[in-house]
Amino acid sequence: GLLLIVSALGTIIPVLPGSLLTIVTLLGWGWLLGSGASWWAAGLGMLIAALGWSASAVLTGRKLKQHQIPKGSIFWALIGAIAGAFIIPVVGLFIGFALGLFIGEAARHRKFDGALASSWATLKAMGLGIIVEFGCVLLATSVWVIGLITHFATR
């Protein structure tokens, strides 16, 4: 249960593992208990987490292509996120990412309005991906709870 909480937080806080930890945790739980209920719940939960992980990547990637955001701007955003994590505790990762993204887009557009609009579109796309992945991890955790109750109720 604690690992599933950490994995849910990991979809929001990129430093922690997210969907991958959900999948590994559910696989281990299903294997340890070994009952039909635990395997069904683990399998369904792993499928939901994998779909959320994939959907997050696909939705974010599609939106970035729609807005023609180059990889260079994403690179500067990642550099900003790393620097921000060290400069400002807790929220620095997010602030650094947004600032690095804006700097990369400002260098590309050479106009404040264009850089701001494309940066905002990128942040919304990434936020949508995070929400979808977080929702799927929560749904997978709910399936785990149902499987846990079913496992012990049928024993």
Protein backbone atom coordinates (compact mmCIF):
# COMPACT_ATOMS: atom_id res chain seq x y z
CA GLY A 1 0.00 0.00 0.00
CA LEU A 2 2.81 2.41 0.85
CA LEU A 3 4.53 1.70 -2.46
CA LEU A 4 1.31 2.48 -4.31
CA ILE A 5 1.05 5.80 -2.46
CA VAL A 6 4.65 6.62 -3.44
CA SER A 7 3.90 5.66 -7.04
CA ALA A 8 0.82 7.93 -7.11
CA LEU A 9 2.95 10.79 -5.79
CA GLY A 10 5.57 9.87 -8.38
CA THR A 11 3.22 10.72 -11.21
CA ILE A 12 3.01 14.27 -9.85
CA ILE A 13 6.57 14.63 -8.52
CA PRO A 14 8.83 13.39 -11.32
CA VAL A 15 11.73 12.60 -8.95
CA LEU A 16 9.80 9.64 -7.53
CA PRO A 17 8.94 6.60 -9.67
CA GLY A 18 5.35 6.61 -10.91
CA SER A 19 3.52 4.13 -13.09
CA LEU A 20 6.49 1.77 -13.30
CA LEU A 21 6.50 1.41 -9.52
CA THR A 22 2.75 0.72 -9.61
CA ILE A 23 3.25 -2.07 -12.16
CA VAL A 24 6.16 -3.64 -10.27
CA THR A 25 4.32 -3.38 -6.93
CA LEU A 26 1.16 -5.00 -8.26
CA LEU A 27 3.17 -7.76 -9.95
CA GLY A 28 5.00 -8.49 -6.69
CA TRP A 29 1.79 -8.40 -4.66
CA GLY A 30 0.03 -10.79 -7.04
CA TRP A 31 3.01 -13.13 -7.00
CA LEU A 32 3.31 -13.08 -3.18
CA LEU A 33 -0.35 -13.83 -2.50
CA GLY A 34 -0.78 -16.10 -5.49
CA SER A 35 -4.57 -16.36 -5.26
CA GLY A 36 -6.90 -15.97 -8.19
CA ALA A 37 -8.28 -12.73 -6.80
CA SER A 38 -4.82 -11.24 -6.28
CA TRP A 39 -3.67 -12.20 -9.78
CA TRP A 40 -6.81 -10.79 -11.40
CA ALA A 41 -6.54 -7.54 -9.46
CA ALA A 42 -2.79 -7.30 -10.11
CA GLY A 43 -3.22 -7.97 -13.81
CA LEU A 44 -6.06 -5.48 -14.23
CA GLY A 45 -4.23 -2.87 -12.16
CA MET A 46 -1.01 -3.34 -14.15
CA LEU A 47 -2.97 -2.98 -17.40
CA ILE A 48 -4.62 0.25 -16.21
CA ALA A 49 -1.28 1.69 -15.01
CA ALA A 50 0.42 0.78 -18.30
CA LEU A 51 -2.42 2.35 -20.28
CA GLY A 52 -2.16 5.53 -18.21
CA TRP A 53 1.60 5.66 -18.66
CA SER A 54 1.24 5.20 -22.42
CA ALA A 55 -1.66 7.63 -22.75
CA SER A 56 0.29 10.25 -20.85
CA ALA A 57 3.22 9.95 -23.24
CA VAL A 58 1.02 9.87 -26.34
CA LEU A 59 -1.19 12.81 -25.32
CA THR A 60 1.79 14.94 -24.31
CA GLY A 61 3.73 14.06 -27.45
CA ARG A 62 0.75 14.76 -29.71
CA LYS A 63 0.17 18.17 -28.14
CA LEU A 64 3.86 19.07 -28.41
CA LYS A 65 3.81 18.17 -32.11
CA GLN A 66 0.61 20.17 -32.63
CA HIS A 67 2.25 23.25 -31.17
CA GLN A 68 5.56 22.49 -32.95
CA ILE A 69 7.63 22.56 -29.76
CA PRO A 70 11.20 21.52 -30.65
CA LYS A 71 13.33 19.17 -28.57
CA GLY A 72 15.73 22.01 -27.86
CA SER A 73 13.12 23.84 -25.80
CA ILE A 74 12.35 20.66 -23.87
CA PHE A 75 16.10 20.25 -23.28
CA TRP A 76 16.29 23.75 -21.76
CA ALA A 77 13.22 22.97 -19.67
CA LEU A 78 14.91 19.85 -18.27
CA ILE A 79 18.10 21.80 -17.52
CA GLY A 80 15.96 24.41 -15.76
CA ALA A 81 14.16 21.71 -13.78
CA ILE A 82 17.43 20.20 -12.58
CA ALA A 83 18.83 23.60 -11.62
CA GLY A 84 15.56 24.63 -9.97
CA ALA A 85 15.47 21.46 -7.88
CA PHE A 86 18.81 22.43 -6.33
CA ILE A 87 18.12 26.15 -6.00
CA ILE A 88 14.57 26.12 -4.60
CA PRO A 89 13.54 23.19 -2.39
CA VAL A 90 10.29 21.33 -3.19
CA VAL A 91 8.82 23.56 -5.94
CA GLY A 92 12.08 24.41 -7.72
CA LEU A 93 11.71 21.49 -10.11
CA PHE A 94 8.44 22.88 -11.48
CA ILE A 95 9.52 26.52 -11.50
CA GLY A 96 12.84 25.64 -13.13
CA PHE A 97 11.09 23.55 -15.80
CA ALA A 98 8.70 26.38 -16.70
CA LEU A 99 11.48 28.99 -16.69
CA GLY A 100 13.82 26.83 -18.77
CA LEU A 101 11.02 26.13 -21.23
CA PHE A 102 10.25 29.82 -21.54
CA ILE A 103 13.93 30.64 -22.11
CA GLY A 104 14.18 27.99 -24.82
CA GLU A 105 11.01 29.27 -26.51
CA ALA A 106 12.10 32.91 -26.19
CA ALA A 107 15.34 32.09 -27.97
CA ARG A 108 13.37 30.36 -30.71
CA HIS A 109 10.55 32.90 -31.18
CA ARG A 110 12.47 36.08 -30.36
CA LYS A 111 9.12 37.53 -29.19
CA PHE A 112 7.71 37.53 -25.67
CA ASP A 113 4.12 36.80 -26.76
CA GLY A 114 5.05 33.86 -28.97
CA ALA A 115 7.32 32.36 -26.32
CA LEU A 116 4.69 32.77 -23.63
CA ALA A 117 1.94 31.21 -25.75
CA SER A 118 3.98 28.17 -26.78
CA SER A 119 5.34 27.69 -23.26
CA TRP A 120 1.83 27.80 -21.83
CA ALA A 121 0.62 25.27 -24.43
CA THR A 122 3.50 22.97 -23.51
CA LEU A 123 2.82 23.23 -19.78
CA LYS A 124 -0.88 22.47 -20.36
CA ALA A 125 0.02 19.43 -22.47
CA MET A 126 2.36 18.11 -19.79
CA GLY A 127 -0.24 18.81 -17.11
CA LEU A 128 -2.83 16.83 -19.05
CA GLY A 129 -0.42 13.90 -19.26
CA ILE A 130 0.25 14.05 -15.53
CA ILE A 131 -3.48 14.12 -14.73
CA VAL A 132 -4.21 11.12 -16.96
CA GLU A 133 -1.33 9.10 -15.53
CA PHE A 134 -2.24 10.05 -11.94
CA GLY A 135 -5.87 9.07 -12.51
CA CYS A 136 -4.88 5.70 -13.91
CA VAL A 137 -2.53 5.00 -11.00
CA LEU A 138 -5.34 5.87 -8.58
CA LEU A 139 -7.71 3.58 -10.49
CA ALA A 140 -5.12 0.78 -10.40
CA THR A 141 -4.76 1.33 -6.65
CA SER A 142 -8.54 1.09 -6.26
CA VAL A 143 -8.50 -2.21 -8.15
CA TRP A 144 -5.77 -3.37 -5.75
CA VAL A 145 -7.94 -2.49 -2.74
CA ILE A 146 -10.85 -4.45 -4.22
CA GLY A 147 -8.51 -7.37 -4.93
CA LEU A 148 -7.13 -7.21 -1.40
CA ILE A 149 -10.61 -7.31 0.13
CA THR A 150 -11.67 -10.11 -2.22
CA HIS A 151 -8.53 -12.14 -1.47
CA PHE A 152 -9.03 -12.07 2.28
CA ALA A 153 -12.83 -12.40 2.11
CA THR A 154 -12.59 -15.63 0.10
CA ARG A 155 -9.93 -17.26 2.25
